Amino acid sequence: MFLSNYSTLLFSVYINDLPLVLRYCLAILFADDTQLITSCDPKNITQTITRLETDLEAVSNWMTENELELNVQKTQIIVLGNTFNVQKIGQITEF
């Protein structure tokens, strides 16, 4: 039990500087799980996608530099909003 808690603490310290590479998103770090959060007005969705891609590339570069690997199988994008706006986002081909 002690080693498990100790390794979690060490990992948290190790990734503590990850949020510093982000320009547009807020990072929520919890153990080995990281969430990037952003919001926008639906009319700015194209710009927001570009910004999200910029931060995802920065995270990818940070992970490479720190000899970590992104688990693509567990990576998701979740869009929240009212039905009308979420449907509009779904029509964007860049997404």
PDB file of N, CA and C in Angstrom:
ATOM      1  N   MET A   1       0.822  -1.189   0.000  1.00  0.00           N
ATOM      2  CA  MET A   1       0.000   0.000   0.000  1.00  0.00           C
ATOM      3  C   MET A   1       0.871   1.260   0.000  1.00  0.00           C
ATOM      4  N   PHE A   2       1.893   1.267   0.820  1.00  0.00           N
ATOM      5  CA  PHE A   2       2.772   2.440   0.896  1.00  0.00           C
ATOM      6  C   PHE A   2       3.428   2.732  -0.443  1.00  0.00           C
ATOM      7  N   LEU A   3       3.957   1.678  -1.105  1.00  0.00           N
ATOM      8  CA  LEU A   3       4.631   1.882  -2.385  1.00  0.00           C
ATOM      9  C   LEU A   3       3.670   2.407  -3.440  1.00  0.00           C
ATOM     10  N   SER A   4       2.440   1.927  -3.414  1.00  0.00           N
ATOM     11  CA  SER A   4       1.447   2.390  -4.376  1.00  0.00           C
ATOM     12  C   SER A   4       1.189   3.884  -4.196  1.00  0.00           C
ATOM     13  N   ASN A   5       0.991   4.331  -2.975  1.00  0.00           N
ATOM     14  CA  ASN A   5       0.760   5.750  -2.713  1.00  0.00           C
ATOM     15  C   ASN A   5       1.999   6.579  -3.044  1.00  0.00           C
ATOM     16  N   TYR A   6       3.156   6.037  -2.751  1.00  0.00           N
ATOM     17  CA  TYR A   6       4.415   6.723  -3.022  1.00  0.00           C
ATOM     18  C   TYR A   6       4.619   6.908  -4.523  1.00  0.00           C
ATOM     19  N   SER A   7       4.341   5.876  -5.307  1.00  0.00           N
ATOM     20  CA  SER A   7       4.521   5.987  -6.758  1.00  0.00           C
ATOM     21  C   SER A   7       3.530   6.978  -7.369  1.00  0.00           C
ATOM     22  N   THR A   8       2.320   7.028  -6.828  1.00  0.00           N
ATOM     23  CA  THR A   8       1.336   8.007  -7.298  1.00  0.00           C
ATOM     24  C   THR A   8       1.817   9.428  -7.007  1.00  0.00           C
ATOM     25  N   LEU A   9       2.365   9.629  -5.834  1.00  0.00           N
ATOM     26  CA  LEU A   9       2.898  10.946  -5.470  1.00  0.00           C
ATOM     27  C   LEU A   9       4.060  11.331  -6.385  1.00  0.00           C
ATOM     28  N   LEU A  10       4.970  10.397  -6.619  1.00  0.00           N
ATOM     29  CA  LEU A  10       6.108  10.674  -7.500  1.00  0.00           C
ATOM     30  C   LEU A  10       5.643  11.019  -8.914  1.00  0.00           C
ATOM     31  N   PHE A  11       4.667  10.287  -9.417  1.00  0.00           N
ATOM     32  CA  PHE A  11       4.147  10.569 -10.758  1.00  0.00           C
ATOM     33  C   PHE A  11       3.520  11.959 -10.799  1.00  0.00           C
ATOM     34  N   SER A  12       2.776  12.326  -9.755  1.00  0.00           N
ATOM     35  CA  SER A  12       2.152  13.646  -9.698  1.00  0.00           C
ATOM     36  C   SER A  12       3.201  14.756  -9.715  1.00  0.00           C
ATOM     37  N   VAL A  13       4.289  14.552  -9.002  1.00  0.00           N
ATOM     38  CA  VAL A  13       5.372  15.533  -9.011  1.00  0.00           C
ATOM     39  C   VAL A  13       6.019  15.584 -10.394  1.00  0.00           C
ATOM     40  N   TYR A  14       6.175  14.415 -11.008  1.00  0.00           N
ATOM     41  CA  TYR A  14       6.809  14.311 -12.318  1.00  0.00           C
ATOM     42  C   TYR A  14       6.045  15.088 -13.383  1.00  0.00           C
ATOM     43  N   ILE A  15       4.716  15.019 -13.355  1.00  0.00           N
ATOM     44  CA  ILE A  15       3.917  15.682 -14.395  1.00  0.00           C
ATOM     45  C   ILE A  15       3.421  17.060 -13.982  1.00  0.00           C
ATOM     46  N   ASN A  16       3.872  17.548 -12.844  1.00  0.00           N
ATOM     47  CA  ASN A  16       3.385  18.806 -12.302  1.00  0.00           C
ATOM     48  C   ASN A  16       3.551  19.985 -13.258  1.00  0.00           C
ATOM     49  N   ASP A  17       4.549  19.971 -14.133  1.00  0.00           N
ATOM     50  CA  ASP A  17       4.770  21.104 -15.044  1.00  0.00           C
ATOM     51  C   ASP A  17       4.019  20.980 -16.372  1.00  0.00           C
ATOM     52  N   LEU A  18       3.281  19.918 -16.575  1.00  0.00           N
ATOM     53  CA  LEU A  18       2.517  19.753 -17.819  1.00  0.00           C
ATOM     54  C   LEU A  18       1.608  20.950 -18.115  1.00  0.00           C
ATOM     55  N   PRO A  19       0.861  21.477 -17.149  1.00  0.00           N
ATOM     56  CA  PRO A  19      -0.015  22.623 -17.474  1.00  0.00           C
ATOM     57  C   PRO A  19       0.729  23.847 -18.004  1.00  0.00           C
ATOM     58  N   LEU A  20       2.021  23.937 -17.745  1.00  0.00           N
ATOM     59  CA  LEU A  20       2.784  25.103 -18.191  1.00  0.00           C
ATOM     60  C   LEU A  20       2.954  25.171 -19.710  1.00  0.00           C
ATOM     61  N   VAL A  21       2.772  24.045 -20.414  1.00  0.00           N
ATOM     62  CA  VAL A  21       2.929  24.049 -21.876  1.00  0.00           C
ATOM     63  C   VAL A  21       1.636  24.440 -22.587  1.00  0.00           C
ATOM     64  N   LEU A  22       0.553  24.569 -21.848  1.00  0.00           N
ATOM     65  CA  LEU A  22      -0.744  24.887 -22.448  1.00  0.00           C
ATOM     66  C   LEU A  22      -0.913  26.383 -22.627  1.00  0.00           C
ATOM     67  N   ARG A  23      -1.468  26.774 -23.771  1.00  0.00           N
ATOM     68  CA  ARG A  23      -1.735  28.184 -24.043  1.00  0.00           C
ATOM     69  C   ARG A  23      -3.215  28.526 -23.919  1.00  0.00           C
ATOM     70  N   TYR A  24      -4.094  27.578 -24.216  1.00  0.00           N
ATOM     71  CA  TYR A  24      -5.517  27.872 -24.320  1.00  0.00           C
ATOM     72  C   TYR A  24      -6.411  27.071 -23.376  1.00  0.00           C
ATOM     73  N   CYS A  25      -5.988  25.906 -22.985  1.00  0.00           N
ATOM     74  CA  CYS A  25      -6.815  25.023 -22.171  1.00  0.00           C
ATOM     75  C   CYS A  25      -6.393  25.047 -20.710  1.00  0.00           C
ATOM     76  N   LEU A  26      -7.308  24.659 -19.870  1.00  0.00           N
ATOM     77  CA  LEU A  26      -7.042  24.451 -18.458  1.00  0.00           C
ATOM     78  C   LEU A  26      -6.775  22.959 -18.276  1.00  0.00           C
ATOM     79  N   ALA A  27      -5.744  22.603 -17.529  1.00  0.00           N
ATOM     80  CA  ALA A  27      -5.428  21.197 -17.270  1.00  0.00           C
ATOM     81  C   ALA A  27      -5.890  20.821 -15.869  1.00  0.00           C
ATOM     82  N   ILE A  28      -6.590  19.715 -15.784  1.00  0.00           N
ATOM     83  CA  ILE A  28      -6.977  19.133 -14.504  1.00  0.00           C
ATOM     84  C   ILE A  28      -6.192  17.827 -14.386  1.00  0.00           C
ATOM     85  N   LEU A  29      -5.307  17.753 -13.383  1.00  0.00           N
ATOM     86  CA  LEU A  29      -4.464  16.575 -13.183  1.00  0.00           C
ATOM     87  C   LEU A  29      -4.958  15.801 -11.971  1.00  0.00           C
ATOM     88  N   PHE A  30      -5.133  14.506 -12.139  1.00  0.00           N
ATOM     89  CA  PHE A  30      -5.497  13.634 -11.025  1.00  0.00           C
ATOM     90  C   PHE A  30      -4.814  12.296 -11.224  1.00  0.00           C
ATOM     91  N   ALA A  31      -3.821  12.014 -10.394  1.00  0.00           N
ATOM     92  CA  ALA A  31      -3.024  10.790 -10.500  1.00  0.00           C
ATOM     93  C   ALA A  31      -2.498  10.668 -11.935  1.00  0.00           C
ATOM     94  N   ASP A  32      -2.862   9.615 -12.665  1.00  0.00           N
ATOM     95  CA  ASP A  32      -2.358   9.445 -14.027  1.00  0.00           C
ATOM     96  C   ASP A  32      -3.393   9.848 -15.076  1.00  0.00           C
ATOM     97  N   ASP A  33      -4.392  10.623 -14.667  1.00  0.00           N
ATOM     98  CA  ASP A  33      -5.439  11.075 -15.573  1.00  0.00           C
ATOM     99  C   ASP A  33      -5.340  12.592 -15.734  1.00  0.00           C
ATOM    100  N   THR A  34      -5.353  13.052 -16.971  1.00  0.00           N
ATOM    101  CA  THR A  34      -5.290  14.486 -17.250  1.00  0.00           C
ATOM    102  C   THR A  34      -6.460  14.865 -18.140  1.00  0.00           C
ATOM    103  N   GLN A  35      -7.109  15.966 -17.799  1.00  0.00           N
ATOM    104  CA  GLN A  35      -8.199  16.487 -18.608  1.00  0.00           C
ATOM    105  C   GLN A  35      -7.837  17.887 -19.055  1.00  0.00           C
ATOM    106  N   LEU A  36      -8.047  18.158 -20.343  1.00  0.00           N
ATOM    107  CA  LEU A  36      -7.904  19.512 -20.868  1.00  0.00           C
ATOM    108  C   LEU A  36      -9.307  20.069 -21.053  1.00  0.00           C
ATOM    109  N   ILE A  37      -9.530  21.263 -20.546  1.00  0.00           N
ATOM    110  CA  ILE A  37     -10.865  21.855 -20.587  1.00  0.00           C
ATOM    111  C   ILE A  37     -10.800  23.202 -21.299  1.00  0.00           C
ATOM    112  N   THR A  38     -11.772  23.416 -22.169  1.00  0.00           N
ATOM    113  CA  THR A  38     -11.910  24.704 -22.836  1.00  0.00           C
ATOM    114  C   THR A  38     -13.393  24.947 -23.089  1.00  0.00           C
ATOM    115  N   SER A  39     -13.742  26.157 -23.387  1.00  0.00           N
ATOM    116  CA  SER A  39     -15.130  26.478 -23.707  1.00  0.00           C
ATOM    117  C   SER A  39     -15.146  27.549 -24.787  1.00  0.00           C
ATOM    118  N   CYS A  40     -16.302  27.678 -25.423  1.00  0.00           N
ATOM    119  CA  CYS A  40     -16.414  28.694 -26.465  1.00  0.00           C
ATOM    120  C   CYS A  40     -17.867  28.941 -26.816  1.00  0.00           C
ATOM    121  N   ASP A  41     -18.067  30.029 -27.505  1.00  0.00           N
ATOM    122  CA  ASP A  41     -19.346  30.317 -28.120  1.00  0.00           C
ATOM    123  C   ASP A  41     -19.388  29.470 -29.398  1.00  0.00           C
ATOM    124  N   PRO A  42     -20.510  28.858 -29.728  1.00  0.00           N
ATOM    125  CA  PRO A  42     -20.577  28.012 -30.928  1.00  0.00           C
ATOM    126  C   PRO A  42     -20.100  28.689 -32.205  1.00  0.00           C
ATOM    127  N   LYS A  43     -20.238  30.000 -32.320  1.00  0.00           N
ATOM    128  CA  LYS A  43     -19.787  30.674 -33.538  1.00  0.00           C
ATOM    129  C   LYS A  43     -18.263  30.711 -33.635  1.00  0.00           C
ATOM    130  N   ASN A  44     -17.561  30.417 -32.539  1.00  0.00           N
ATOM    131  CA  ASN A  44     -16.096  30.405 -32.533  1.00  0.00           C
ATOM    132  C   ASN A  44     -15.519  28.992 -32.499  1.00  0.00           C
ATOM    133  N   ILE A  45     -16.307  28.009 -32.882  1.00  0.00           N
ATOM    134  CA  ILE A  45     -15.880  26.612 -32.743  1.00  0.00           C
ATOM    135  C   ILE A  45     -14.632  26.301 -33.578  1.00  0.00           C
ATOM    136  N   THR A  46     -14.523  26.840 -34.775  1.00  0.00           N
ATOM    137  CA  THR A  46     -13.367  26.565 -35.621  1.00  0.00           C
ATOM    138  C   THR A  46     -12.083  27.062 -34.954  1.00  0.00           C
ATOM    139  N   GLN A  47     -12.117  28.264 -34.416  1.00  0.00           N
ATOM    140  CA  GLN A  47     -10.961  28.807 -33.703  1.00  0.00           C
ATOM    141  C   GLN A  47     -10.645  27.971 -32.456  1.00  0.00           C
ATOM    142  N   THR A  48     -11.679  27.537 -31.754  1.00  0.00           N
ATOM    143  CA  THR A  48     -11.475  26.735 -30.544  1.00  0.00           C
ATOM    144  C   THR A  48     -10.860  25.379 -30.882  1.00  0.00           C
ATOM    145  N   ILE A  49     -11.283  24.774 -31.974  1.00  0.00           N
ATOM    146  CA  ILE A  49     -10.681  23.500 -32.398  1.00  0.00           C
ATOM    147  C   ILE A  49      -9.206  23.708 -32.712  1.00  0.00           C
ATOM    148  N   THR A  50      -8.869  24.786 -33.398  1.00  0.00           N
ATOM    149  CA  THR A  50      -7.464  25.089 -33.713  1.00  0.00           C
ATOM    150  C   THR A  50      -6.656  25.261 -32.429  1.00  0.00           C
ATOM    151  N   ARG A  51      -7.214  25.963 -31.472  1.00  0.00           N
ATOM    152  CA  ARG A  51      -6.525  26.174 -30.195  1.00  0.00           C
ATOM    153  C   ARG A  51      -6.356  24.857 -29.437  1.00  0.00           C
ATOM    154  N   LEU A  52      -7.379  24.032 -29.457  1.00  0.00           N
ATOM    155  CA  LEU A  52      -7.298  22.730 -28.806  1.00  0.00           C
ATOM    156  C   LEU A  52      -6.214  21.873 -29.462  1.00  0.00           C
ATOM    157  N   GLU A  53      -6.166  21.888 -30.781  1.00  0.00           N
ATOM    158  CA  GLU A  53      -5.122  21.145 -31.506  1.00  0.00           C
ATOM    159  C   GLU A  53      -3.728  21.645 -31.140  1.00  0.00           C
ATOM    160  N   THR A  54      -3.585  22.961 -30.976  1.00  0.00           N
ATOM    161  CA  THR A  54      -2.299  23.543 -30.568  1.00  0.00           C
ATOM    162  C   THR A  54      -1.876  23.003 -29.206  1.00  0.00           C
ATOM    163  N   ASP A  55      -2.809  22.992 -28.251  1.00  0.00           N
ATOM    164  CA  ASP A  55      -2.484  22.490 -26.922  1.00  0.00           C
ATOM    165  C   ASP A  55      -2.256  20.984 -26.923  1.00  0.00           C
ATOM    166  N   LEU A  56      -2.992  20.243 -27.727  1.00  0.00           N
ATOM    167  CA  LEU A  56      -2.760  18.799 -27.812  1.00  0.00           C
ATOM    168  C   LEU A  56      -1.374  18.497 -28.388  1.00  0.00           C
ATOM    169  N   GLU A  57      -0.955  19.272 -29.364  1.00  0.00           N
ATOM    170  CA  GLU A  57       0.391  19.101 -29.912  1.00  0.00           C
ATOM    171  C   GLU A  57       1.451  19.426 -28.852  1.00  0.00           C
ATOM    172  N   ALA A  58       1.203  20.465 -28.052  1.00  0.00           N
ATOM    173  CA  ALA A  58       2.135  20.821 -26.976  1.00  0.00           C
ATOM    174  C   ALA A  58       2.216  19.703 -25.938  1.00  0.00           C
ATOM    175  N   VAL A  59       1.083  19.093 -25.614  1.00  0.00           N
ATOM    176  CA  VAL A  59       1.076  17.965 -24.678  1.00  0.00           C
ATOM    177  C   VAL A  59       1.845  16.789 -25.272  1.00  0.00           C
ATOM    178  N   SER A  60       1.625  16.508 -26.542  1.00  0.00           N
ATOM    179  CA  SER A  60       2.335  15.419 -27.208  1.00  0.00           C
ATOM    180  C   SER A  60       3.844  15.645 -27.174  1.00  0.00           C
ATOM    181  N   ASN A  61       4.270  16.866 -27.470  1.00  0.00           N
ATOM    182  CA  ASN A  61       5.702  17.192 -27.428  1.00  0.00           C
ATOM    183  C   ASN A  61       6.248  17.060 -26.011  1.00  0.00           C
ATOM    184  N   TRP A  62       5.499  17.530 -25.030  1.00  0.00           N
ATOM    185  CA  TRP A  62       5.923  17.430 -23.631  1.00  0.00           C
ATOM    186  C   TRP A  62       6.084  15.960 -23.233  1.00  0.00           C
ATOM    187  N   MET A  63       5.128  15.138 -23.663  1.00  0.00           N
ATOM    188  CA  MET A  63       5.189  13.716 -23.320  1.00  0.00           C
ATOM    189  C   MET A  63       6.412  13.058 -23.955  1.00  0.00           C
ATOM    190  N   THR A  64       6.702  13.390 -25.202  1.00  0.00           N
ATOM    191  CA  THR A  64       7.876  12.843 -25.868  1.00  0.00           C
ATOM    192  C   THR A  64       9.149  13.255 -25.141  1.00  0.00           C
ATOM    193  N   GLU A  65       9.244  14.534 -24.795  1.00  0.00           N
ATOM    194  CA  GLU A  65      10.422  15.035 -24.085  1.00  0.00           C
ATOM    195  C   GLU A  65      10.601  14.376 -22.722  1.00  0.00           C
ATOM    196  N   ASN A  66       9.499  13.955 -22.105  1.00  0.00           N
ATOM    197  CA  ASN A  66       9.543  13.349 -20.782  1.00  0.00           C
ATOM    198  C   ASN A  66       9.425  11.822 -20.828  1.00  0.00           C
ATOM    199  N   GLU A  67       9.592  11.276 -22.035  1.00  0.00           N
ATOM    200  CA  GLU A  67       9.591   9.832 -22.248  1.00  0.00           C
ATOM    201  C   GLU A  67       8.317   9.157 -21.744  1.00  0.00           C
ATOM    202  N   LEU A  68       7.191   9.808 -22.021  1.00  0.00           N
ATOM    203  CA  LEU A  68       5.884   9.256 -21.701  1.00  0.00           C
ATOM    204  C   LEU A  68       5.139   9.003 -23.000  1.00  0.00           C
ATOM    205  N   GLU A  69       4.109   8.189 -22.928  1.00  0.00           N
ATOM    206  CA  GLU A  69       3.340   7.854 -24.122  1.00  0.00           C
ATOM    207  C   GLU A  69       1.857   8.062 -23.857  1.00  0.00           C
ATOM    208  N   LEU A  70       1.195   8.739 -24.787  1.00  0.00           N
ATOM    209  CA  LEU A  70      -0.243   8.959 -24.685  1.00  0.00           C
ATOM    210  C   LEU A  70      -0.978   7.668 -25.031  1.00  0.00           C
ATOM    211  N   ASN A  71      -1.919   7.282 -24.195  1.00  0.00           N
ATOM    212  CA  ASN A  71      -2.741   6.108 -24.472  1.00  0.00           C
ATOM    213  C   ASN A  71      -3.915   6.551 -25.342  1.00  0.00           C
ATOM    214  N   VAL A  72      -3.753   6.409 -26.635  1.00  0.00           N
ATOM    215  CA  VAL A  72      -4.760   6.871 -27.592  1.00  0.00           C
ATOM    216  C   VAL A  72      -6.088   6.136 -27.388  1.00  0.00           C
ATOM    217  N   GLN A  73      -6.044   4.888 -26.954  1.00  0.00           N
ATOM    218  CA  GLN A  73      -7.267   4.108 -26.724  1.00  0.00           C
ATOM    219  C   GLN A  73      -8.152   4.730 -25.640  1.00  0.00           C
ATOM    220  N   LYS A  74      -7.536   5.467 -24.714  1.00  0.00           N
ATOM    221  CA  LYS A  74      -8.290   6.072 -23.614  1.00  0.00           C
ATOM    222  C   LYS A  74      -8.509   7.576 -23.814  1.00  0.00           C
ATOM    223  N   THR A  75      -8.120   8.100 -24.956  1.00  0.00           N
ATOM    224  CA  THR A  75      -8.245   9.534 -25.220  1.00  0.00           C
ATOM    225  C   THR A  75      -9.606   9.826 -25.836  1.00  0.00           C
ATOM    226  N   GLN A  76     -10.290  10.830 -25.297  1.00  0.00           N
ATOM    227  CA  GLN A  76     -11.633  11.171 -25.761  1.00  0.00           C
ATOM    228  C   GLN A  76     -11.793  12.681 -25.850  1.00  0.00           C
ATOM    229  N   ILE A  77     -12.715  13.096 -26.676  1.00  0.00           N
ATOM    230  CA  ILE A  77     -13.177  14.478 -26.687  1.00  0.00           C
ATOM    231  C   ILE A  77     -14.654  14.425 -26.340  1.00  0.00           C
ATOM    232  N   ILE A  78     -15.032  15.203 -25.362  1.00  0.00           N
ATOM    233  CA  ILE A  78     -16.427  15.248 -24.930  1.00  0.00           C
ATOM    234  C   ILE A  78     -16.932  16.661 -25.154  1.00  0.00           C
ATOM    235  N   VAL A  79     -18.032  16.797 -25.881  1.00  0.00           N
ATOM    236  CA  VAL A  79     -18.628  18.102 -26.172  1.00  0.00           C
ATOM    237  C   VAL A  79     -19.911  18.221 -25.358  1.00  0.00           C
ATOM    238  N   LEU A  80     -19.997  19.278 -24.575  1.00  0.00           N
ATOM    239  CA  LEU A  80     -21.185  19.534 -23.764  1.00  0.00           C
ATOM    240  C   LEU A  80     -21.865  20.797 -24.245  1.00  0.00           C
ATOM    241  N   GLY A  81     -23.182  20.794 -24.238  1.00  0.00           N
ATOM    242  CA  GLY A  81     -23.936  21.971 -24.631  1.00  0.00           C
ATOM    243  C   GLY A  81     -25.380  21.593 -24.893  1.00  0.00           C
ATOM    244  N   ASN A  82     -26.175  22.560 -25.297  1.00  0.00           N
ATOM    245  CA  ASN A  82     -27.559  22.222 -25.616  1.00  0.00           C
ATOM    246  C   ASN A  82     -27.609  21.486 -26.956  1.00  0.00           C
ATOM    247  N   THR A  83     -28.682  20.812 -27.204  1.00  0.00           N
ATOM    248  CA  THR A  83     -28.814  19.957 -28.396  1.00  0.00           C
ATOM    249  C   THR A  83     -28.544  20.713 -29.685  1.00  0.00           C
ATOM    250  N   PHE A  84     -29.084  21.906 -29.822  1.00  0.00           N
ATOM    251  CA  PHE A  84     -28.919  22.692 -31.041  1.00  0.00           C
ATOM    252  C   PHE A  84     -27.442  22.980 -31.317  1.00  0.00           C
ATOM    253  N   ASN A  85     -26.717  23.464 -30.305  1.00  0.00           N
ATOM    254  CA  ASN A  85     -25.316  23.822 -30.497  1.00  0.00           C
ATOM    255  C   ASN A  85     -24.421  22.599 -30.710  1.00  0.00           C
ATOM    256  N   VAL A  86     -24.695  21.527 -30.006  1.00  0.00           N
ATOM    257  CA  VAL A  86     -23.885  20.307 -30.183  1.00  0.00           C
ATOM    258  C   VAL A  86     -24.081  19.751 -31.592  1.00  0.00           C
ATOM    259  N   GLN A  87     -25.295  19.806 -32.123  1.00  0.00           N
ATOM    260  CA  GLN A  87     -25.536  19.350 -33.492  1.00  0.00           C
ATOM    261  C   GLN A  87     -24.771  20.200 -34.493  1.00  0.00           C
ATOM    262  N   LYS A  88     -24.670  21.494 -34.265  1.00  0.00           N
ATOM    263  CA  LYS A  88     -23.909  22.373 -35.155  1.00  0.00           C
ATOM    264  C   LYS A  88     -22.429  21.988 -35.137  1.00  0.00           C
ATOM    265  N   ILE A  89     -21.917  21.676 -33.976  1.00  0.00           N
ATOM    266  CA  ILE A  89     -20.513  21.271 -33.870  1.00  0.00           C
ATOM    267  C   ILE A  89     -20.270  19.979 -34.627  1.00  0.00           C
ATOM    268  N   GLY A  90     -21.221  19.065 -34.567  1.00  0.00           N
ATOM    269  CA  GLY A  90     -21.085  17.789 -35.244  1.00  0.00           C
ATOM    270  C   GLY A  90     -21.011  17.921 -36.753  1.00  0.00           C
ATOM    271  N   GLN A  91     -21.410  19.058 -37.311  1.00  0.00           N
ATOM    272  CA  GLN A  91     -21.384  19.261 -38.750  1.00  0.00           C
ATOM    273  C   GLN A  91     -20.055  19.811 -39.248  1.00  0.00           C
ATOM    274  N   ILE A  92     -19.155  20.102 -38.355  1.00  0.00           N
ATOM    275  CA  ILE A  92     -17.846  20.655 -38.759  1.00  0.00           C
ATOM    276  C   ILE A  92     -16.936  19.521 -39.184  1.00  0.00           C
ATOM    277  N   THR A  93     -16.376  19.602 -40.380  1.00  0.00           N
ATOM    278  CA  THR A  93     -15.582  18.510 -40.909  1.00  0.00           C
ATOM    279  C   THR A  93     -14.215  18.394 -40.248  1.00  0.00           C
ATOM    280  N   GLU A  94     -13.684  19.502 -39.696  1.00  0.00           N
ATOM    281  CA  GLU A  94     -12.386  19.457 -39.024  1.00  0.00           C
ATOM    282  C   GLU A  94     -12.429  18.586 -37.789  1.00  0.00           C
ATOM    283  N   PHE A  95     -13.586  18.496 -37.186  1.00  0.00           N
ATOM    284  CA  PHE A  95     -13.743  17.805 -35.925  1.00  0.00           C
ATOM    285  C   PHE A  95     -13.592  16.344 -36.168  1.00  0.00           C
TER     286      PHE A  95
END
